[in-house]
Amino acid sequence: MKDFNALGLDKRLIEALEAQGIETPTDIQNETIPVMLKGQDVMAQAQTGTGKTFAFLLPILEKIDSESDHVQALIVTPTRELALQITTELMKLVEGRSDVNVLAVYGGQDVEKQISRLNKQVDIVVGTPGRLLDHIRRETIDLSHTDYLILDEADQMLHIGFLREVEDIIYETPDTRQTALFSATLSSDIRSLAKRFMRSPQTIKGKEKGKTVEEVQQYLIETTDRRKFGALTETIDEARPFLGIIFCRTKRRVSKLYGDLRSKGYLADELHGDLSQSKREGVIKKFRDAKIQLLVATDVAARGLDIEGVTHVFNYDVPQDVESYIHRIGRTGRAGEGGAAYTFIASKDKQAVPMIEKGIGKRIERKSVENALPSHDERESSQGRERGNHSEGRRKNNRNGGRNRNRR
């Protein structure tokens, strides 16, 4: 396998990688970096955790012009968390350098501070579609001379309805730009976008997709809606995760489950779109620093999260499609390390199982939780029935006692 020297990267970049303990490129980096260094457009299929971020950051930094006075590279991401994560990785690569200026642009942040920074020299902008369009409309960002455009997690941007915004942003950049698109899936919508806005892109398919799935031990836990919480806590207690992510379908479900786990004494926190930006950043930092053990999250909030040490994923709610399933379980089992994923299946969810198994090309092992405790609601209902039975028994005894007394 090639090393980073063989890819033709600047010595400063290689030293920055070595400082992070990174010495050997991943498959997606080996295939993507040479193509981007040649100036070709790239359409890459790659999961988070395969090294795709460095696959586009390294060639951008290699080609950046320190004498330029305009925004040279624009990286568009679907979520604030991913924008921050990419910016963090970028800052590590340029630490100690004064010739590269980086700015993260996303909602929930003081727009005036962003405008102030944009009035100065900025070489690379990492941003979300909504806030980027806000700056475009305010005319506080000029993308007319941008040389490099990166669309990261493109399938997710389309999935959450950002297609029009992404198109509007692309129209602000020159036709001469180099474009790289990274996506977990290369759907017909993604290919249509590429056909309209890219110039003969080279398609690269990361080999790690199947590998990531194979490295994760996967289990189906058959339960009922009422016993699901008990099944989850028993599984957590048995699995003893160092760090675990629990996925729920909606923000409301996240908050409810988070509250239930906290009431049971688990070190947990929640991550969803209704939290303030400072709260979201704080939660991610606590999880990254292992100050909390369990992160309860929605798919969108956890998109692109790449946190070392995630040993377990729990699908409390069944994912809606195969891509979401692969994305979720891909939060663990990173870069050759093992991991485990548990999916909780109630009777109404069973029709999703064949779809998921077909999509990943394997049968998922079934696992039972013998002593799953009933949920709080079920316990209350059960206690109510017991109280009712006891009351009925007392009434019967009273009636019988009365009849017996009459006989005497």
Protein backbone atom coordinates (compact mmCIF):
# COMPACT_ATOMS: atom_id res chain seq x y z
CA MET A 1 0.00 0.00 0.00
CA LYS A 2 1.20 3.51 -0.78
CA ASP A 3 2.22 5.92 1.95
CA PHE A 4 1.38 9.62 1.95
CA ASN A 5 4.78 10.47 0.45
CA ALA A 6 3.91 8.36 -2.59
CA LEU A 7 0.72 10.37 -3.05
CA GLY A 8 2.81 13.50 -3.60
CA LEU A 9 1.71 15.47 -0.55
CA ASP A 10 3.56 18.38 1.00
CA LYS A 11 5.96 17.54 3.84
CA ARG A 12 4.03 19.81 6.23
CA LEU A 13 0.83 17.84 5.65
CA ILE A 14 2.58 14.50 6.18
CA GLU A 15 4.08 15.79 9.45
CA ALA A 16 0.64 17.00 10.57
CA LEU A 17 -0.76 13.53 9.86
CA GLU A 18 2.08 11.81 11.68
CA ALA A 19 1.46 14.04 14.71
CA GLN A 20 -2.01 12.45 14.84
CA GLY A 21 -0.57 8.95 14.47
CA ILE A 22 -1.73 8.62 10.85
CA GLU A 23 0.91 7.09 8.60
CA THR A 24 -0.92 5.00 6.00
CA PRO A 25 -3.72 6.20 3.66
CA THR A 26 -7.06 4.39 3.62
CA ASP A 27 -8.42 2.94 0.38
CA ILE A 28 -10.64 5.96 -0.31
CA GLN A 29 -7.66 8.31 0.26
CA ASN A 30 -5.41 6.23 -2.01
CA GLU A 31 -7.95 6.39 -4.81
CA THR A 32 -9.26 9.94 -4.39
CA ILE A 33 -6.21 12.08 -3.61
CA PRO A 34 -4.31 11.45 -6.90
CA VAL A 35 -7.45 12.14 -8.95
CA MET A 36 -8.15 15.41 -7.14
CA LEU A 37 -4.51 16.48 -7.39
CA LYS A 38 -4.85 16.12 -11.18
CA GLY A 39 -7.79 18.53 -11.09
CA GLN A 40 -10.46 15.99 -12.06
CA ASP A 41 -13.99 15.98 -10.64
CA VAL A 42 -14.77 13.12 -8.27
CA MET A 43 -17.99 11.31 -7.34
CA ALA A 44 -17.08 9.07 -4.41
CA GLN A 45 -19.20 6.54 -2.57
CA ALA A 46 -17.87 6.31 0.96
CA GLN A 47 -19.19 5.84 4.46
CA THR A 48 -18.24 8.07 7.37
CA GLY A 49 -15.30 6.46 9.13
CA THR A 50 -13.47 5.40 5.95
CA GLY A 51 -11.16 8.42 5.96
CA LYS A 52 -13.13 10.38 3.37
CA THR A 53 -12.64 13.72 5.15
CA PHE A 54 -8.88 13.62 4.64
CA ALA A 55 -9.52 12.34 1.10
CA PHE A 56 -10.75 15.81 0.14
CA LEU A 57 -9.00 18.02 2.72
CA LEU A 58 -5.47 16.90 1.83
CA PRO A 59 -5.65 17.68 -1.93
CA ILE A 60 -7.34 21.03 -1.20
CA LEU A 61 -4.54 22.00 1.19
CA GLU A 62 -1.93 20.76 -1.27
CA LYS A 63 -3.29 23.09 -3.98
CA ILE A 64 -4.25 26.11 -1.88
CA ASP A 65 -2.69 29.40 -3.03
CA SER A 66 -1.43 31.46 -0.09
CA GLU A 67 -1.30 34.56 -2.31
CA SER A 68 -4.98 34.43 -3.23
CA ASP A 69 -7.43 36.97 -1.78
CA HIS A 70 -10.71 35.07 -2.33
CA VAL A 71 -12.54 32.03 -0.94
CA GLN A 72 -10.68 29.23 -2.68
CA ALA A 73 -12.52 26.19 -1.31
CA LEU A 74 -16.10 25.66 -0.18
CA ILE A 75 -17.11 22.52 1.72
CA VAL A 76 -20.89 22.05 2.07
CA THR A 77 -22.26 19.68 4.74
CA PRO A 78 -25.82 18.80 5.82
CA THR A 79 -25.40 19.43 9.56
CA ARG A 80 -23.69 21.81 11.96
CA GLU A 81 -22.04 18.91 13.76
CA LEU A 82 -20.39 17.69 10.58
CA ALA A 83 -19.29 21.23 9.65
CA LEU A 84 -17.64 21.58 13.06
CA GLN A 85 -16.06 18.16 12.82
CA ILE A 86 -14.54 18.86 9.40
CA THR A 87 -13.32 22.27 10.62
CA THR A 88 -11.67 20.63 13.63
CA GLU A 89 -9.84 18.15 11.37
CA LEU A 90 -8.85 20.97 9.05
CA MET A 91 -7.44 23.07 11.89
CA LYS A 92 -5.29 20.15 13.03
CA LEU A 93 -3.79 19.89 9.54
CA VAL A 94 -2.91 23.60 9.37
CA GLU A 95 -1.90 24.07 13.00
CA GLY A 96 0.97 26.52 13.25
CA ARG A 97 0.48 27.80 9.70
CA SER A 98 -0.48 31.40 8.97
CA ASP A 99 -0.96 30.93 5.22
CA VAL A 100 -4.36 29.15 5.44
CA ASN A 101 -7.44 30.79 6.98
CA VAL A 102 -10.46 28.63 7.76
CA LEU A 103 -14.02 29.59 8.74
CA ALA A 104 -17.00 27.44 9.77
CA VAL A 105 -20.36 28.92 8.76
CA TYR A 106 -23.54 27.41 10.22
CA GLY A 107 -26.82 28.34 11.86
CA GLY A 108 -27.09 28.95 15.58
CA GLN A 109 -23.89 30.99 15.50
CA ASP A 110 -23.67 34.81 15.66
CA VAL A 111 -24.08 35.89 12.04
CA GLU A 112 -22.39 39.24 12.68
CA LYS A 113 -19.23 37.50 13.87
CA GLN A 114 -19.26 35.41 10.70
CA ILE A 115 -19.66 38.56 8.57
CA SER A 116 -16.75 40.18 10.40
CA ARG A 117 -14.56 37.17 9.64
CA LEU A 118 -15.70 37.04 6.00
CA ASN A 119 -14.63 40.66 5.59
CA LYS A 120 -11.08 39.46 6.24
CA GLN A 121 -9.10 36.87 4.32
CA VAL A 122 -10.74 33.43 4.35
CA ASP A 123 -9.33 30.65 2.16
CA ILE A 124 -11.57 27.72 3.10
CA VAL A 125 -15.22 27.93 4.18
CA VAL A 126 -17.01 24.93 5.72
CA GLY A 127 -20.75 25.50 5.98
CA THR A 128 -24.33 24.29 6.00
CA PRO A 129 -26.68 25.17 3.12
CA GLY A 130 -29.05 27.42 5.07
CA ARG A 131 -26.43 29.71 6.55
CA LEU A 132 -24.39 29.80 3.33
CA LEU A 133 -27.48 30.98 1.41
CA ASP A 134 -28.09 33.58 4.12
CA HIS A 135 -24.63 35.03 3.47
CA ILE A 136 -25.12 34.85 -0.29
CA ARG A 137 -28.36 36.85 0.00
CA ARG A 138 -26.67 39.36 2.30
CA GLU A 139 -23.81 39.53 -0.21
CA THR A 140 -21.37 38.91 2.63
CA ILE A 141 -19.69 35.97 0.91
CA ASP A 142 -18.31 35.90 -2.63
CA LEU A 143 -17.98 32.48 -4.25
CA SER A 144 -17.44 33.73 -7.79
CA HIS A 145 -13.73 32.80 -7.72
CA THR A 146 -14.00 29.55 -5.77
CA ASP A 147 -11.66 26.89 -7.16
CA TYR A 148 -12.82 23.83 -5.20
CA LEU A 149 -16.34 22.75 -4.22
CA ILE A 150 -16.90 19.75 -1.94
CA LEU A 151 -20.36 18.31 -1.32
CA ASP A 152 -20.06 16.02 1.70
CA GLU A 153 -22.78 13.55 2.75
CA ALA A 154 -24.65 14.53 -0.43
CA ASP A 155 -27.29 11.84 -0.03
CA GLN A 156 -28.19 13.17 3.41
CA MET A 157 -28.46 16.74 2.10
CA LEU A 158 -30.95 15.55 -0.49
CA HIS A 159 -32.75 13.33 2.02
CA ILE A 160 -33.49 16.23 4.38
CA GLY A 161 -34.63 18.50 1.58
CA PHE A 162 -31.59 20.64 0.76
CA LEU A 163 -31.51 19.96 -2.99
CA ARG A 164 -32.75 23.43 -4.03
CA GLU A 165 -30.39 25.15 -1.57
CA VAL A 166 -27.42 23.11 -2.80
CA GLU A 167 -28.25 23.97 -6.40
CA ASP A 168 -28.50 27.68 -5.55
CA ILE A 169 -25.08 27.55 -3.87
CA ILE A 170 -23.51 25.73 -6.84
CA TYR A 171 -24.82 28.43 -9.20
CA GLU A 172 -22.80 30.99 -7.20
CA THR A 173 -19.54 29.21 -8.02
CA PRO A 174 -17.74 29.42 -11.38
CA ASP A 175 -18.02 26.71 -14.04
CA THR A 176 -14.23 26.35 -13.91
CA ARG A 177 -14.28 24.99 -10.34
CA GLN A 178 -13.22 21.46 -9.44
CA THR A 179 -16.08 19.56 -7.77
CA ALA A 180 -15.95 16.53 -5.50
CA LEU A 181 -19.09 14.82 -4.24
CA PHE A 182 -19.02 12.32 -1.37
CA SER A 183 -22.04 10.19 -0.54
CA ALA A 184 -22.85 6.96 1.30
CA THR A 185 -25.02 5.96 -1.67
CA LEU A 186 -24.92 6.90 -5.34
CA SER A 187 -28.68 7.06 -5.91
CA SER A 188 -30.34 8.24 -9.11
CA ASP A 189 -30.83 11.69 -7.52
CA ILE A 190 -27.13 11.92 -6.70
CA ARG A 191 -26.16 10.86 -10.21
CA SER A 192 -28.59 13.40 -11.66
CA LEU A 193 -26.99 16.15 -9.56
CA ALA A 194 -23.53 15.05 -10.71
CA LYS A 195 -24.59 14.96 -14.35
CA ARG A 196 -25.86 18.55 -14.20
CA PHE A 197 -23.04 20.14 -12.25
CA MET A 198 -19.89 18.05 -12.70
CA ARG A 199 -17.50 17.60 -15.60
CA SER A 200 -16.90 13.92 -16.44
CA PRO A 201 -16.44 12.94 -12.79
CA GLN A 202 -14.41 9.88 -11.97
CA THR A 203 -16.51 7.49 -9.89
CA ILE A 204 -14.76 6.01 -6.88
CA LYS A 205 -16.38 3.40 -4.67
CA GLY A 206 -14.84 3.02 -1.25
CA LYS A 207 -14.09 -0.62 -0.47
CA GLU A 208 -14.63 -0.14 3.24
CA LYS A 209 -18.45 -0.07 3.06
CA GLY A 210 -18.88 -3.83 3.22
CA LYS A 211 -15.90 -4.14 5.53
CA THR A 212 -17.50 -1.78 8.06
CA VAL A 213 -20.68 -3.87 8.06
CA GLU A 214 -18.71 -7.11 8.39
CA GLU A 215 -16.65 -5.83 11.31
CA VAL A 216 -19.72 -5.04 13.40
CA GLN A 217 -21.39 -7.88 15.29
CA GLN A 218 -25.09 -7.44 14.58
CA TYR A 219 -28.04 -8.73 16.59
CA LEU A 220 -31.82 -8.49 16.40
CA ILE A 221 -33.63 -8.34 19.73
CA GLU A 222 -37.24 -9.47 19.35
CA THR A 223 -39.45 -7.76 21.89
CA THR A 224 -42.70 -5.79 22.19
CA ASP A 225 -43.25 -2.06 22.30
CA ARG A 226 -44.11 -2.28 25.98
CA ARG A 227 -41.06 -4.34 26.88
CA LYS A 228 -38.63 -2.49 24.62
CA PHE A 229 -37.21 -0.21 27.33
CA GLY A 230 -36.59 -3.17 29.62
CA ALA A 231 -34.96 -5.06 26.75
CA LEU A 232 -32.72 -2.06 26.06
CA THR A 233 -31.55 -1.63 29.65
CA GLU A 234 -30.90 -5.36 30.02
CA THR A 235 -28.90 -5.34 26.80
CA ILE A 236 -26.89 -2.31 27.94
CA ASP A 237 -26.18 -3.95 31.29
CA GLU A 238 -25.08 -7.16 29.56
CA ALA A 239 -23.06 -5.50 26.78
CA ARG A 240 -21.45 -2.88 29.05
CA PRO A 241 -20.55 -0.40 26.29
CA PHE A 242 -17.65 2.00 26.77
CA LEU A 243 -19.51 4.49 24.56
CA GLY A 244 -22.88 3.71 22.97
CA ILE A 245 -25.20 5.57 20.61
CA ILE A 246 -28.94 4.88 20.83
CA PHE A 247 -30.96 5.84 17.75
CA CYS A 248 -34.59 6.94 17.89
CA ARG A 249 -36.90 7.95 15.05
CA THR A 250 -38.03 11.36 16.35
CA LYS A 251 -36.89 14.16 18.67
CA ARG A 252 -39.76 13.41 21.02
CA ARG A 253 -38.74 9.75 21.25
CA VAL A 254 -35.15 10.81 21.95
CA SER A 255 -36.17 13.10 24.83
CA LYS A 256 -38.52 10.50 26.34
CA LEU A 257 -35.92 7.73 26.23
CA TYR A 258 -33.18 10.05 27.53
CA GLY A 259 -35.36 10.94 30.53
CA ASP A 260 -36.16 7.30 31.23
CA LEU A 261 -32.48 6.31 31.10
CA ARG A 262 -31.44 9.17 33.37
CA SER A 263 -34.11 8.20 35.88
CA LYS A 264 -32.56 4.72 35.95
CA GLY A 265 -29.13 6.18 36.72
CA TYR A 266 -27.48 5.79 33.32
CA LEU A 267 -24.89 8.38 32.23
CA ALA A 268 -26.83 9.55 29.16
CA ASP A 269 -27.57 12.70 27.19
CA GLU A 270 -29.64 13.61 24.15
CA LEU A 271 -28.79 15.01 20.71
CA HIS A 272 -31.43 16.36 18.33
CA GLY A 273 -32.29 19.43 16.26
CA ASP A 274 -34.27 21.28 18.93
CA LEU A 275 -31.22 21.82 21.12
CA SER A 276 -29.33 25.11 20.95
CA GLN A 277 -26.01 25.02 19.14
CA SER A 278 -24.02 25.51 22.35
CA LYS A 279 -25.93 22.66 24.00
CA ARG A 280 -25.32 20.35 21.01
CA GLU A 281 -21.61 21.14 21.02
CA GLY A 282 -21.46 20.56 24.77
CA VAL A 283 -23.19 17.18 24.49
CA ILE A 284 -20.84 16.01 21.74
CA LYS A 285 -17.80 17.13 23.73
CA LYS A 286 -19.00 15.29 26.85
CA PHE A 287 -19.55 12.15 24.80
CA ARG A 288 -16.21 12.47 23.02
CA ASP A 289 -14.51 12.91 26.41
CA ALA A 290 -16.41 9.86 27.80
CA LYS A 291 -18.08 11.97 30.49
CA ILE A 292 -21.33 10.37 29.39
CA GLN A 293 -21.67 6.74 28.35
CA LEU A 294 -24.81 6.80 26.20
CA LEU A 295 -25.85 9.28 23.53
CA VAL A 296 -29.53 9.15 22.52
CA ALA A 297 -29.88 10.72 19.08
CA THR A 298 -31.87 11.11 15.88
CA ASP A 299 -30.35 10.12 12.53
CA VAL A 300 -29.93 13.71 11.34
CA ALA A 301 -28.25 14.88 14.56
CA ALA A 302 -25.78 11.99 14.49
CA ARG A 303 -25.04 12.24 10.77
CA GLY A 304 -21.32 12.40 10.16
CA LEU A 305 -20.37 11.99 13.82
CA ASP A 306 -16.99 10.29 13.89
CA ILE A 307 -16.09 9.63 17.52
CA GLU A 308 -13.37 7.26 18.62
CA GLY A 309 -14.31 4.66 21.19
CA VAL A 310 -17.94 4.02 20.20
CA THR A 311 -18.23 0.33 21.01
CA HIS A 312 -21.98 -0.20 20.62
CA VAL A 313 -24.95 1.06 18.62
CA PHE A 314 -28.53 0.43 19.72
CA ASN A 315 -31.34 0.86 17.19
CA TYR A 316 -34.17 1.53 19.64
CA ASP A 317 -36.34 2.38 16.63
CA VAL A 318 -35.82 0.41 13.45
CA PRO A 319 -34.16 2.46 10.67
CA GLN A 320 -36.36 3.37 7.71
CA ASP A 321 -34.05 2.00 5.01
CA VAL A 322 -30.88 0.00 4.46
CA GLU A 323 -28.71 3.10 4.01
CA SER A 324 -29.80 4.44 7.40
CA TYR A 325 -29.07 1.07 8.99
CA ILE A 326 -25.56 0.98 7.48
CA HIS A 327 -24.98 4.59 8.51
CA ARG A 328 -26.06 3.90 12.08
CA ILE A 329 -24.02 0.76 12.67
CA GLY A 330 -21.08 2.48 10.97
CA ARG A 331 -20.71 4.68 14.07
CA THR A 332 -18.89 1.70 15.61
CA GLY A 333 -16.40 -0.81 14.21
CA ARG A 334 -14.14 1.96 12.91
CA ALA A 335 -10.94 1.39 10.96
CA GLY A 336 -10.56 -2.30 11.70
CA GLU A 337 -11.82 -2.20 15.28
CA GLY A 338 -14.72 -4.38 16.35
CA GLY A 339 -18.12 -3.17 17.45
CA ALA A 340 -21.64 -4.39 18.11
CA ALA A 341 -25.07 -3.23 16.96
CA TYR A 342 -28.41 -4.24 18.50
CA THR A 343 -31.71 -3.60 16.72
CA PHE A 344 -34.92 -3.90 18.73
CA ILE A 345 -37.77 -5.41 16.74
CA ALA A 346 -41.42 -5.31 17.76
CA SER A 347 -44.06 -7.18 15.75
CA LYS A 348 -44.87 -4.11 13.62
CA ASP A 349 -41.19 -3.79 12.64
CA LYS A 350 -40.65 -7.33 11.41
CA GLN A 351 -41.38 -6.51 7.76
CA ALA A 352 -38.25 -4.28 7.73
CA VAL A 353 -35.92 -7.15 8.64
CA PRO A 354 -35.79 -8.92 5.23
CA MET A 355 -35.11 -5.55 3.54
CA ILE A 356 -32.18 -4.81 5.85
CA GLU A 357 -30.74 -8.34 5.57
CA LYS A 358 -30.98 -8.25 1.79
CA GLY A 359 -29.30 -4.85 1.71
CA ILE A 360 -26.31 -5.93 3.79
CA GLY A 361 -26.13 -9.38 2.24
CA LYS A 362 -26.27 -11.41 5.42
CA ARG A 363 -28.65 -12.79 8.02
CA ILE A 364 -28.57 -10.94 11.34
CA GLU A 365 -28.27 -13.12 14.41
CA ARG A 366 -31.39 -13.25 16.59
CA LYS A 367 -30.87 -12.74 20.30
CA SER A 368 -33.45 -12.96 23.06
CA VAL A 369 -33.54 -10.96 26.25
CA GLU A 370 -35.03 -13.48 28.61
CA ASN A 371 -35.76 -11.26 31.56
CA ALA A 372 -36.56 -7.95 29.88
CA LEU A 373 -38.34 -5.86 32.45
CA PRO A 374 -41.64 -4.28 31.48
CA SER A 375 -41.59 -0.56 30.75
CA HIS A 376 -42.66 2.03 33.28
CA ASP A 377 -46.04 2.33 31.56
CA GLU A 378 -46.52 -1.43 31.53
CA ARG A 379 -45.55 -1.72 35.20
CA GLU A 380 -48.08 0.94 36.10
CA SER A 381 -50.71 -0.85 34.01
CA SER A 382 -49.78 -4.17 35.59
CA GLN A 383 -49.84 -2.69 39.08
CA GLY A 384 -53.21 -1.19 38.29
CA ARG A 385 -54.51 -4.61 37.24
CA GLU A 386 -53.05 -6.15 40.37
CA ARG A 387 -54.64 -3.49 42.54
CA GLY A 388 -57.86 -4.12 40.69
CA ASN A 389 -57.56 -7.88 41.25
CA HIS A 390 -56.80 -7.38 44.93
CA SER A 391 -59.79 -5.05 45.29
CA GLU A 392 -62.04 -7.53 43.48
CA GLY A 393 -60.72 -10.28 45.73
CA ARG A 394 -61.45 -8.23 48.80
CA ARG A 395 -64.95 -7.49 47.54
CA LYS A 396 -65.54 -11.20 46.90
CA ASN A 397 -64.20 -12.09 50.32
CA ASN A 398 -66.38 -9.46 51.89
CA ARG A 399 -69.42 -10.77 50.05
CA ASN A 400 -68.58 -14.36 50.94
CA GLY A 401 -67.85 -13.40 54.52
CA GLY A 402 -71.19 -11.64 54.72
CA ARG A 403 -73.02 -14.68 53.31
CA ASN A 404 -71.18 -16.98 55.70
CA ARG A 405 -72.07 -14.78 58.64
CA ASN A 406 -75.71 -14.87 57.57
CA ARG A 407 -75.56 -18.67 57.43
CA ARG A 408 -74.19 -18.79 60.93
